[in-house]
């Protein structure tokens, strides 16, 4: 349909802007992560970014937004979402390879980001929040955008949707969903909060018995306020659906240290544990 083509063309143009930094007018910095961004894209979807550039703040004068107190991996997913309306699965070796593909210039450099497709796995070093470790394998000598580098990451030839990335999910992303949710709340991105909850609920159906569930539950309860029920209710629903979790010591620890035990008890009074309680 013609409408679908126009919609896809729009997403393709946003994708290219995200990877190349073309026409960017601001930069998001978190640790070693830098992303050239566009106010027209990030401000309408985030109350924080809108306020940062609407008022006489440092960000408006410098064009640089520093998010140094946040988890870099969650920030990467948040920024990715603003351009793609989704965020992809992060495999154990980390989702993104950050390569400074842009040549040095007077402006800030921008690491170009690409997801690692599980269908074409290559041995890669583990990426921590502080940057890369080890040497990257040589994949393509030249990028289609005209730049030369050791590993092609800019995905210049076309958009790769989040559903196409990591088609075989080998580990949960429960903790990432909890962190993305907290970040979306902090920066006023309601649609991203909704998406993170949806992804958490879906992943918890498969990975509820994974050790990461307890970590994600603790993250959900320590990074959100009592009245913010979205991710908390998703955790409670998982415990309600899989009562075996109550036998796990790590889950018991979380219940003792947080309001999770009370929430599970209150949820047991409802016929449908999927519905939030008030």
C-alpha atoms as a PDB file:
ATOM      1  CA  UNK A   1       0.000   0.000   0.000  1.00  0.00           C
ATOM      2  CA  UNK A   2       1.122   3.529  -0.735  1.00  0.00           C
ATOM      3  CA  UNK A   3       0.677   4.571   2.886  1.00  0.00           C
ATOM      4  CA  UNK A   4       2.928   1.750   4.071  1.00  0.00           C
ATOM      5  CA  UNK A   5       5.624   2.791   1.617  1.00  0.00           C
ATOM      6  CA  UNK A   6       5.547   6.384   2.846  1.00  0.00           C
ATOM      7  CA  UNK A   7       5.684   5.188   6.449  1.00  0.00           C
ATOM      8  CA  UNK A   8       8.656   2.940   5.700  1.00  0.00           C
ATOM      9  CA  UNK A   9      10.388   5.756   3.835  1.00  0.00           C
ATOM     10  CA  UNK A  10      10.013   7.935   6.930  1.00  0.00           C
ATOM     11  CA  UNK A  11      11.478   5.223   9.171  1.00  0.00           C
ATOM     12  CA  UNK A  12      14.319   4.720   6.716  1.00  0.00           C
ATOM     13  CA  UNK A  13      15.168   8.419   6.790  1.00  0.00           C
ATOM     14  CA  UNK A  14      15.122   8.419  10.604  1.00  0.00           C
ATOM     15  CA  UNK A  15      17.299   5.328  10.622  1.00  0.00           C
ATOM     16  CA  UNK A  16      19.847   6.933   8.317  1.00  0.00           C
ATOM     17  CA  UNK A  17      19.873  10.096  10.444  1.00  0.00           C
ATOM     18  CA  UNK A  18      20.468   7.971  13.545  1.00  0.00           C
ATOM     19  CA  UNK A  19      23.404   6.054  12.082  1.00  0.00           C
ATOM     20  CA  UNK A  20      25.085   8.867  10.156  1.00  0.00           C
ATOM     21  CA  UNK A  21      24.329  11.852  12.394  1.00  0.00           C
ATOM     22  CA  UNK A  22      23.439  13.856   9.294  1.00  0.00           C
ATOM     23  CA  UNK A  23      21.783  17.207  10.092  1.00  0.00           C
ATOM     24  CA  UNK A  24      22.298  16.618  13.828  1.00  0.00           C
ATOM     25  CA  UNK A  25      22.053  19.635  16.121  1.00  0.00           C
ATOM     26  CA  UNK A  26      22.837  18.135  19.520  1.00  0.00           C
ATOM     27  CA  UNK A  27      24.873  15.359  21.129  1.00  0.00           C
ATOM     28  CA  UNK A  28      23.912  12.875  23.842  1.00  0.00           C
ATOM     29  CA  UNK A  29      26.813  11.704  26.026  1.00  0.00           C
ATOM     30  CA  UNK A  30      26.833   8.900  28.586  1.00  0.00           C
ATOM     31  CA  UNK A  31      30.217   7.536  29.638  1.00  0.00           C
ATOM     32  CA  UNK A  32      32.129   6.671  26.473  1.00  0.00           C
ATOM     33  CA  UNK A  33      28.919   6.635  24.469  1.00  0.00           C
ATOM     34  CA  UNK A  34      28.212   9.617  22.234  1.00  0.00           C
ATOM     35  CA  UNK A  35      25.353   9.930  19.795  1.00  0.00           C
ATOM     36  CA  UNK A  36      24.734  12.858  17.520  1.00  0.00           C
ATOM     37  CA  UNK A  37      21.004  13.493  17.697  1.00  0.00           C
ATOM     38  CA  UNK A  38      18.269  15.732  16.351  1.00  0.00           C
ATOM     39  CA  UNK A  39      16.120  17.970  18.553  1.00  0.00           C
ATOM     40  CA  UNK A  40      13.189  17.539  16.184  1.00  0.00           C
ATOM     41  CA  UNK A  41      13.242  13.808  16.937  1.00  0.00           C
ATOM     42  CA  UNK A  42      14.081  13.609  20.640  1.00  0.00           C
ATOM     43  CA  UNK A  43      12.319  16.679  22.090  1.00  0.00           C
ATOM     44  CA  UNK A  44       8.690  15.939  21.104  1.00  0.00           C
ATOM     45  CA  UNK A  45       8.946  12.474  22.677  1.00  0.00           C
ATOM     46  CA  UNK A  46      10.748  13.340  25.901  1.00  0.00           C
ATOM     47  CA  UNK A  47       9.668  15.969  28.399  1.00  0.00           C
ATOM     48  CA  UNK A  48      13.242  16.143  29.730  1.00  0.00           C
ATOM     49  CA  UNK A  49      14.863  16.817  26.370  1.00  0.00           C
ATOM     50  CA  UNK A  50      12.139  19.308  25.505  1.00  0.00           C
ATOM     51  CA  UNK A  51      12.729  21.246  28.713  1.00  0.00           C
ATOM     52  CA  UNK A  52      16.516  21.102  28.325  1.00  0.00           C
ATOM     53  CA  UNK A  53      16.389  22.968  25.034  1.00  0.00           C
ATOM     54  CA  UNK A  54      13.357  25.151  25.742  1.00  0.00           C
ATOM     55  CA  UNK A  55      14.796  26.919  28.771  1.00  0.00           C
ATOM     56  CA  UNK A  56      18.024  28.767  29.399  1.00  0.00           C
ATOM     57  CA  UNK A  57      19.978  25.718  30.481  1.00  0.00           C
ATOM     58  CA  UNK A  58      23.512  24.577  29.769  1.00  0.00           C
ATOM     59  CA  UNK A  59      22.263  22.071  27.206  1.00  0.00           C
ATOM     60  CA  UNK A  60      20.666  24.812  25.135  1.00  0.00           C
ATOM     61  CA  UNK A  61      23.907  26.782  25.008  1.00  0.00           C
ATOM     62  CA  UNK A  62      26.259  23.863  24.290  1.00  0.00           C
ATOM     63  CA  UNK A  63      24.006  21.468  22.414  1.00  0.00           C
ATOM     64  CA  UNK A  64      25.416  18.656  24.565  1.00  0.00           C
ATOM     65  CA  UNK A  65      23.292  16.575  26.940  1.00  0.00           C
ATOM     66  CA  UNK A  66      25.343  14.662  29.498  1.00  0.00           C
ATOM     67  CA  UNK A  67      23.630  11.709  31.163  1.00  0.00           C
ATOM     68  CA  UNK A  68      26.592  10.562  33.225  1.00  0.00           C
ATOM     69  CA  UNK A  69      24.567   9.156  36.128  1.00  0.00           C
ATOM     70  CA  UNK A  70      22.742   6.620  33.969  1.00  0.00           C
ATOM     71  CA  UNK A  71      23.444   3.118  32.700  1.00  0.00           C
ATOM     72  CA  UNK A  72      25.061   3.524  29.242  1.00  0.00           C
ATOM     73  CA  UNK A  73      23.423   0.376  27.866  1.00  0.00           C
ATOM     74  CA  UNK A  74      19.966   1.600  28.858  1.00  0.00           C
ATOM     75  CA  UNK A  75      20.720   5.048  27.405  1.00  0.00           C
ATOM     76  CA  UNK A  76      21.733   3.464  24.105  1.00  0.00           C
ATOM     77  CA  UNK A  77      18.446   1.570  23.957  1.00  0.00           C
ATOM     78  CA  UNK A  78      16.483   4.694  24.899  1.00  0.00           C
ATOM     79  CA  UNK A  79      18.059   6.773  22.135  1.00  0.00           C
ATOM     80  CA  UNK A  80      17.626   3.914  19.666  1.00  0.00           C
ATOM     81  CA  UNK A  81      13.932   3.814  20.548  1.00  0.00           C
ATOM     82  CA  UNK A  82      13.442   7.517  19.879  1.00  0.00           C
ATOM     83  CA  UNK A  83      14.440   6.931  16.271  1.00  0.00           C
ATOM     84  CA  UNK A  84      12.992   3.470  15.667  1.00  0.00           C
ATOM     85  CA  UNK A  85       9.918   3.250  17.962  1.00  0.00           C
ATOM     86  CA  UNK A  86      11.343  -0.014  19.283  1.00  0.00           C
ATOM     87  CA  UNK A  87      14.513  -1.367  20.807  1.00  0.00           C
ATOM     88  CA  UNK A  88      16.133  -4.708  20.041  1.00  0.00           C
ATOM     89  CA  UNK A  89      17.171  -7.744  21.983  1.00  0.00           C
ATOM     90  CA  UNK A  90      20.598  -7.516  23.568  1.00  0.00           C
ATOM     91  CA  UNK A  91      22.621 -10.765  23.323  1.00  0.00           C
ATOM     92  CA  UNK A  92      25.071 -11.800  26.035  1.00  0.00           C
ATOM     93  CA  UNK A  93      28.027 -10.283  24.178  1.00  0.00           C
ATOM     94  CA  UNK A  94      26.164  -6.931  24.250  1.00  0.00           C
ATOM     95  CA  UNK A  95      23.880  -5.523  21.632  1.00  0.00           C
ATOM     96  CA  UNK A  96      25.868  -2.678  20.177  1.00  0.00           C
ATOM     97  CA  UNK A  97      29.366  -2.307  18.772  1.00  0.00           C
ATOM     98  CA  UNK A  98      30.338   1.340  18.966  1.00  0.00           C
ATOM     99  CA  UNK A  99      32.827   2.408  16.320  1.00  0.00           C
ATOM    100  CA  UNK A 100      33.867   5.994  15.715  1.00  0.00           C
ATOM    101  CA  UNK A 101      33.186   5.832  12.035  1.00  0.00           C
ATOM    102  CA  UNK A 102      32.947   9.551  11.396  1.00  0.00           C
ATOM    103  CA  UNK A 103      36.227  11.241  10.509  1.00  0.00           C
ATOM    104  CA  UNK A 104      37.530  13.792  13.002  1.00  0.00           C
ATOM    105  CA  UNK A 105      36.068  17.225  12.568  1.00  0.00           C
ATOM    106  CA  UNK A 106      35.429  20.372  14.497  1.00  0.00           C
ATOM    107  CA  UNK A 107      32.188  18.908  15.829  1.00  0.00           C
ATOM    108  CA  UNK A 108      31.789  16.038  18.296  1.00  0.00           C
ATOM    109  CA  UNK A 109      32.488  12.584  16.988  1.00  0.00           C
ATOM    110  CA  UNK A 110      29.623  10.104  16.828  1.00  0.00           C
ATOM    111  CA  UNK A 111      29.975   6.365  17.331  1.00  0.00           C
ATOM    112  CA  UNK A 112      27.903   4.652  14.685  1.00  0.00           C
ATOM    113  CA  UNK A 113      25.779   1.927  16.087  1.00  0.00           C
ATOM    114  CA  UNK A 114      24.611  -1.374  14.742  1.00  0.00           C
ATOM    115  CA  UNK A 115      22.952  -4.379  16.257  1.00  0.00           C
ATOM    116  CA  UNK A 116      24.600  -7.780  16.003  1.00  0.00           C
ATOM    117  CA  UNK A 117      22.338 -10.177  14.152  1.00  0.00           C
ATOM    118  CA  UNK A 118      22.396 -13.626  15.709  1.00  0.00           C
ATOM    119  CA  UNK A 119      21.973 -15.230  12.314  1.00  0.00           C
ATOM    120  CA  UNK A 120      25.432 -13.990  11.327  1.00  0.00           C
ATOM    121  CA  UNK A 121      27.406 -14.415  14.527  1.00  0.00           C
ATOM    122  CA  UNK A 122      31.053 -13.429  14.608  1.00  0.00           C
ATOM    123  CA  UNK A 123      33.393 -13.673  17.565  1.00  0.00           C
ATOM    124  CA  UNK A 124      33.400 -10.236  19.121  1.00  0.00           C
ATOM    125  CA  UNK A 125      34.851  -8.848  22.331  1.00  0.00           C
ATOM    126  CA  UNK A 126      32.642  -8.154  25.302  1.00  0.00           C
ATOM    127  CA  UNK A 127      31.623  -4.537  25.560  1.00  0.00           C
ATOM    128  CA  UNK A 128      31.279  -3.070  29.017  1.00  0.00           C
ATOM    129  CA  UNK A 129      29.785   0.246  29.929  1.00  0.00           C
ATOM    130  CA  UNK A 130      33.227   1.759  29.762  1.00  0.00           C
ATOM    131  CA  UNK A 131      33.855   0.925  26.123  1.00  0.00           C
ATOM    132  CA  UNK A 132      35.415  -1.829  24.045  1.00  0.00           C
ATOM    133  CA  UNK A 133      38.032  -4.333  25.096  1.00  0.00           C
ATOM    134  CA  UNK A 134      40.215  -6.294  22.732  1.00  0.00           C
ATOM    135  CA  UNK A 135      40.600  -6.041  18.978  1.00  0.00           C
ATOM    136  CA  UNK A 136      37.594  -6.094  16.703  1.00  0.00           C
ATOM    137  CA  UNK A 137      37.485  -8.601  13.861  1.00  0.00           C
ATOM    138  CA  UNK A 138      37.804  -7.237  10.352  1.00  0.00           C
ATOM    139  CA  UNK A 139      34.400  -7.486   8.707  1.00  0.00           C
ATOM    140  CA  UNK A 140      34.282  -5.006   5.838  1.00  0.00           C
ATOM    141  CA  UNK A 141      37.172  -2.795   4.716  1.00  0.00           C
ATOM    142  CA  UNK A 142      34.898  -0.028   3.483  1.00  0.00           C
ATOM    143  CA  UNK A 143      31.496   1.267   4.425  1.00  0.00           C
ATOM    144  CA  UNK A 144      28.873   2.084   1.822  1.00  0.00           C
ATOM    145  CA  UNK A 145      28.767   5.597   3.243  1.00  0.00           C
ATOM    146  CA  UNK A 146      32.274   6.113   1.886  1.00  0.00           C
ATOM    147  CA  UNK A 147      34.252   5.810   5.108  1.00  0.00           C
ATOM    148  CA  UNK A 148      36.928   3.243   5.832  1.00  0.00           C
ATOM    149  CA  UNK A 149      37.069   1.407   9.119  1.00  0.00           C
ATOM    150  CA  UNK A 150      37.791  -1.992  10.638  1.00  0.00           C
ATOM    151  CA  UNK A 151      34.199  -3.040  11.227  1.00  0.00           C
ATOM    152  CA  UNK A 152      31.202  -1.867   9.262  1.00  0.00           C
ATOM    153  CA  UNK A 153      28.522  -0.768  11.699  1.00  0.00           C
ATOM    154  CA  UNK A 154      26.492   1.981  10.124  1.00  0.00           C
ATOM    155  CA  UNK A 155      23.866  -0.170   8.365  1.00  0.00           C
ATOM    156  CA  UNK A 156      23.863   2.441   5.595  1.00  0.00           C
ATOM    157  CA  UNK A 157      22.103   0.263   3.024  1.00  0.00           C
ATOM    158  CA  UNK A 158      18.891  -0.119   4.970  1.00  0.00           C
ATOM    159  CA  UNK A 159      16.993  -0.231   8.185  1.00  0.00           C
ATOM    160  CA  UNK A 160      17.123  -3.331  10.361  1.00  0.00           C
ATOM    161  CA  UNK A 161      14.109  -3.523  12.619  1.00  0.00           C
ATOM    162  CA  UNK A 162      14.244  -4.621  16.214  1.00  0.00           C
ATOM    163  CA  UNK A 163      12.245  -7.736  15.336  1.00  0.00           C
ATOM    164  CA  UNK A 164      14.869  -8.758  12.777  1.00  0.00           C
ATOM    165  CA  UNK A 165      17.734  -8.389  15.214  1.00  0.00           C
ATOM    166  CA  UNK A 166      18.718 -11.332  17.382  1.00  0.00           C
ATOM    167  CA  UNK A 167      16.089 -13.650  15.922  1.00  0.00           C
ATOM    168  CA  UNK A 168      17.207 -16.426  18.281  1.00  0.00           C
ATOM    169  CA  UNK A 169      17.043 -15.102  21.827  1.00  0.00           C
ATOM    170  CA  UNK A 170      19.530 -17.100  23.858  1.00  0.00           C
ATOM    171  CA  UNK A 171      19.189 -15.222  27.145  1.00  0.00           C
ATOM    172  CA  UNK A 172      16.665 -12.934  28.826  1.00  0.00           C
ATOM    173  CA  UNK A 173      16.585  -9.173  28.624  1.00  0.00           C
ATOM    174  CA  UNK A 174      14.568  -8.781  31.806  1.00  0.00           C
ATOM    175  CA  UNK A 175      17.118  -6.585  33.565  1.00  0.00           C
ATOM    176  CA  UNK A 176      17.506  -4.357  30.504  1.00  0.00           C
ATOM    177  CA  UNK A 177      13.729  -3.904  30.329  1.00  0.00           C
ATOM    178  CA  UNK A 178      13.637  -2.835  33.979  1.00  0.00           C
ATOM    179  CA  UNK A 179      16.450  -0.347  33.436  1.00  0.00           C
ATOM    180  CA  UNK A 180      14.943   1.029  30.243  1.00  0.00           C
ATOM    181  CA  UNK A 181      11.632   1.485  32.075  1.00  0.00           C
ATOM    182  CA  UNK A 182      13.283   3.445  34.877  1.00  0.00           C
ATOM    183  CA  UNK A 183      15.144   5.605  32.370  1.00  0.00           C
ATOM    184  CA  UNK A 184      11.973   6.255  30.382  1.00  0.00           C
ATOM    185  CA  UNK A 185      10.274   7.441  33.569  1.00  0.00           C
ATOM    186  CA  UNK A 186      13.197   9.700  34.436  1.00  0.00           C
ATOM    187  CA  UNK A 187      13.245  11.340  31.009  1.00  0.00           C
ATOM    188  CA  UNK A 188       9.495  11.482  30.459  1.00  0.00           C
ATOM    189  CA  UNK A 189       8.997   8.967  27.633  1.00  0.00           C
ATOM    190  CA  UNK A 190       5.688   7.283  28.453  1.00  0.00           C
ATOM    191  CA  UNK A 191       5.499   5.240  25.249  1.00  0.00           C
ATOM    192  CA  UNK A 192       8.892   3.694  26.016  1.00  0.00           C
ATOM    193  CA  UNK A 193       7.710   2.773  29.514  1.00  0.00           C
ATOM    194  CA  UNK A 194       4.750   0.968  27.971  1.00  0.00           C
ATOM    195  CA  UNK A 195       6.990  -0.852  25.521  1.00  0.00           C
ATOM    196  CA  UNK A 196       9.447  -1.936  28.219  1.00  0.00           C
ATOM    197  CA  UNK A 197       6.596  -3.403  30.282  1.00  0.00           C
ATOM    198  CA  UNK A 198       5.245  -5.257  27.249  1.00  0.00           C
ATOM    199  CA  UNK A 199       8.664  -6.706  26.488  1.00  0.00           C
ATOM    200  CA  UNK A 200       9.221  -7.665  30.136  1.00  0.00           C
ATOM    201  CA  UNK A 201       5.909  -9.492  30.305  1.00  0.00           C
ATOM    202  CA  UNK A 202       6.674 -11.379  27.108  1.00  0.00           C
ATOM    203  CA  UNK A 203      10.212 -12.311  28.165  1.00  0.00           C
ATOM    204  CA  UNK A 204       9.101 -13.375  31.639  1.00  0.00           C
ATOM    205  CA  UNK A 205       6.808 -15.971  30.100  1.00  0.00           C
ATOM    206  CA  UNK A 206       9.913 -17.796  28.878  1.00  0.00           C
ATOM    207  CA  UNK A 207      12.636 -16.700  31.263  1.00  0.00           C
ATOM    208  CA  UNK A 208      10.777 -16.506  34.583  1.00  0.00           C
ATOM    209  CA  UNK A 209      13.038 -19.186  36.116  1.00  0.00           C
ATOM    210  CA  UNK A 210      16.276 -17.544  34.991  1.00  0.00           C
ATOM    211  CA  UNK A 211      18.505 -16.038  37.693  1.00  0.00           C
ATOM    212  CA  UNK A 212      18.135 -12.644  36.033  1.00  0.00           C
ATOM    213  CA  UNK A 213      14.481 -12.468  37.053  1.00  0.00           C
ATOM    214  CA  UNK A 214      15.390 -11.658  40.661  1.00  0.00           C
ATOM    215  CA  UNK A 215      17.821  -8.953  39.521  1.00  0.00           C
ATOM    216  CA  UNK A 216      15.171  -7.437  37.260  1.00  0.00           C
ATOM    217  CA  UNK A 217      12.579  -7.538  40.042  1.00  0.00           C
ATOM    218  CA  UNK A 218      14.957  -5.794  42.428  1.00  0.00           C
ATOM    219  CA  UNK A 219      15.732  -3.188  39.770  1.00  0.00           C
ATOM    220  CA  UNK A 220      12.032  -2.576  39.195  1.00  0.00           C
ATOM    221  CA  UNK A 221      11.389  -1.987  42.890  1.00  0.00           C
ATOM    222  CA  UNK A 222      14.452   0.118  43.637  1.00  0.00           C
ATOM    223  CA  UNK A 223      14.225   2.461  40.646  1.00  0.00           C
ATOM    224  CA  UNK A 224      10.501   3.266  40.639  1.00  0.00           C
ATOM    225  CA  UNK A 225       8.171   5.057  43.042  1.00  0.00           C
ATOM    226  CA  UNK A 226       5.396   3.208  44.866  1.00  0.00           C
ATOM    227  CA  UNK A 227       2.677   4.722  42.693  1.00  0.00           C
ATOM    228  CA  UNK A 228       4.446   3.839  39.432  1.00  0.00           C
ATOM    229  CA  UNK A 229       2.843   0.433  38.931  1.00  0.00           C
ATOM    230  CA  UNK A 230       3.796  -0.450  35.339  1.00  0.00           C
ATOM    231  CA  UNK A 231       6.920  -2.576  35.802  1.00  0.00           C
ATOM    232  CA  UNK A 232       6.060  -3.545  39.372  1.00  0.00           C
ATOM    233  CA  UNK A 233       2.770  -5.056  38.243  1.00  0.00           C
ATOM    234  CA  UNK A 234       4.611  -6.982  35.515  1.00  0.00           C
ATOM    235  CA  UNK A 235       6.913  -8.494  38.151  1.00  0.00           C
ATOM    236  CA  UNK A 236       3.987  -9.355  40.404  1.00  0.00           C
ATOM    237  CA  UNK A 237       2.111 -10.970  37.503  1.00  0.00           C
ATOM    238  CA  UNK A 238       5.124 -13.197  36.775  1.00  0.00           C
ATOM    239  CA  UNK A 239       5.315 -14.329  40.408  1.00  0.00           C
ATOM    240  CA  UNK A 240       1.572 -14.956  40.449  1.00  0.00           C
ATOM    241  CA  UNK A 241       1.803 -17.029  37.277  1.00  0.00           C
ATOM    242  CA  UNK A 242       4.824 -19.021  38.486  1.00  0.00           C
ATOM    243  CA  UNK A 243       4.515 -19.639  42.196  1.00  0.00           C
ATOM    244  CA  UNK A 244       7.682 -21.773  42.058  1.00  0.00           C
ATOM    245  CA  UNK A 245       9.569 -18.495  42.173  1.00  0.00           C
ATOM    246  CA  UNK A 246       8.633 -18.212  45.834  1.00  0.00           C
ATOM    247  CA  UNK A 247      10.930 -21.181  46.543  1.00  0.00           C
ATOM    248  CA  UNK A 248      13.989 -19.399  45.185  1.00  0.00           C
ATOM    249  CA  UNK A 249      16.261 -17.786  47.728  1.00  0.00           C
ATOM    250  CA  UNK A 250      17.172 -14.845  45.474  1.00  0.00           C
ATOM    251  CA  UNK A 251      13.507 -14.029  44.911  1.00  0.00           C
ATOM    252  CA  UNK A 252      12.810 -14.378  48.631  1.00  0.00           C
ATOM    253  CA  UNK A 253      15.591 -11.868  49.321  1.00  0.00           C
ATOM    254  CA  UNK A 254      14.013  -9.348  46.973  1.00  0.00           C
ATOM    255  CA  UNK A 255      10.648  -9.841  48.624  1.00  0.00           C
ATOM    256  CA  UNK A 256      12.137  -9.190  52.056  1.00  0.00           C
ATOM    257  CA  UNK A 257      13.981  -6.074  50.930  1.00  0.00           C
ATOM    258  CA  UNK A 258      11.189  -4.466  48.919  1.00  0.00           C
ATOM    259  CA  UNK A 259       7.422  -4.112  48.720  1.00  0.00           C
ATOM    260  CA  UNK A 260       7.184  -7.115  46.400  1.00  0.00           C
ATOM    261  CA  UNK A 261       5.887  -9.476  49.107  1.00  0.00           C
ATOM    262  CA  UNK A 262       3.075  -7.061  49.985  1.00  0.00           C
ATOM    263  CA  UNK A 263       2.199  -6.561  46.320  1.00  0.00           C
ATOM    264  CA  UNK A 264       2.066 -10.309  45.672  1.00  0.00           C
ATOM    265  CA  UNK A 265      -0.184 -10.773  48.695  1.00  0.00           C
ATOM    266  CA  UNK A 266      -2.529  -7.995  47.571  1.00  0.00           C
ATOM    267  CA  UNK A 267      -2.543  -9.331  44.014  1.00  0.00           C
ATOM    268  CA  UNK A 268      -3.656 -12.729  45.291  1.00  0.00           C
ATOM    269  CA  UNK A 269      -6.916 -11.072  46.313  1.00  0.00           C
ATOM    270  CA  UNK A 270      -7.686 -10.266  42.672  1.00  0.00           C
ATOM    271  CA  UNK A 271      -9.194 -12.828  40.274  1.00  0.00           C
ATOM    272  CA  UNK A 272      -6.999 -11.596  37.413  1.00  0.00           C
ATOM    273  CA  UNK A 273      -3.325 -11.051  38.422  1.00  0.00           C
ATOM    274  CA  UNK A 274      -2.646  -9.329  35.108  1.00  0.00           C
ATOM    275  CA  UNK A 275      -4.796  -6.367  36.148  1.00  0.00           C
ATOM    276  CA  UNK A 276      -3.116  -3.712  38.307  1.00  0.00           C
ATOM    277  CA  UNK A 277      -4.402  -3.169  41.783  1.00  0.00           C
ATOM    278  CA  UNK A 278      -5.130   0.183  43.368  1.00  0.00           C
END
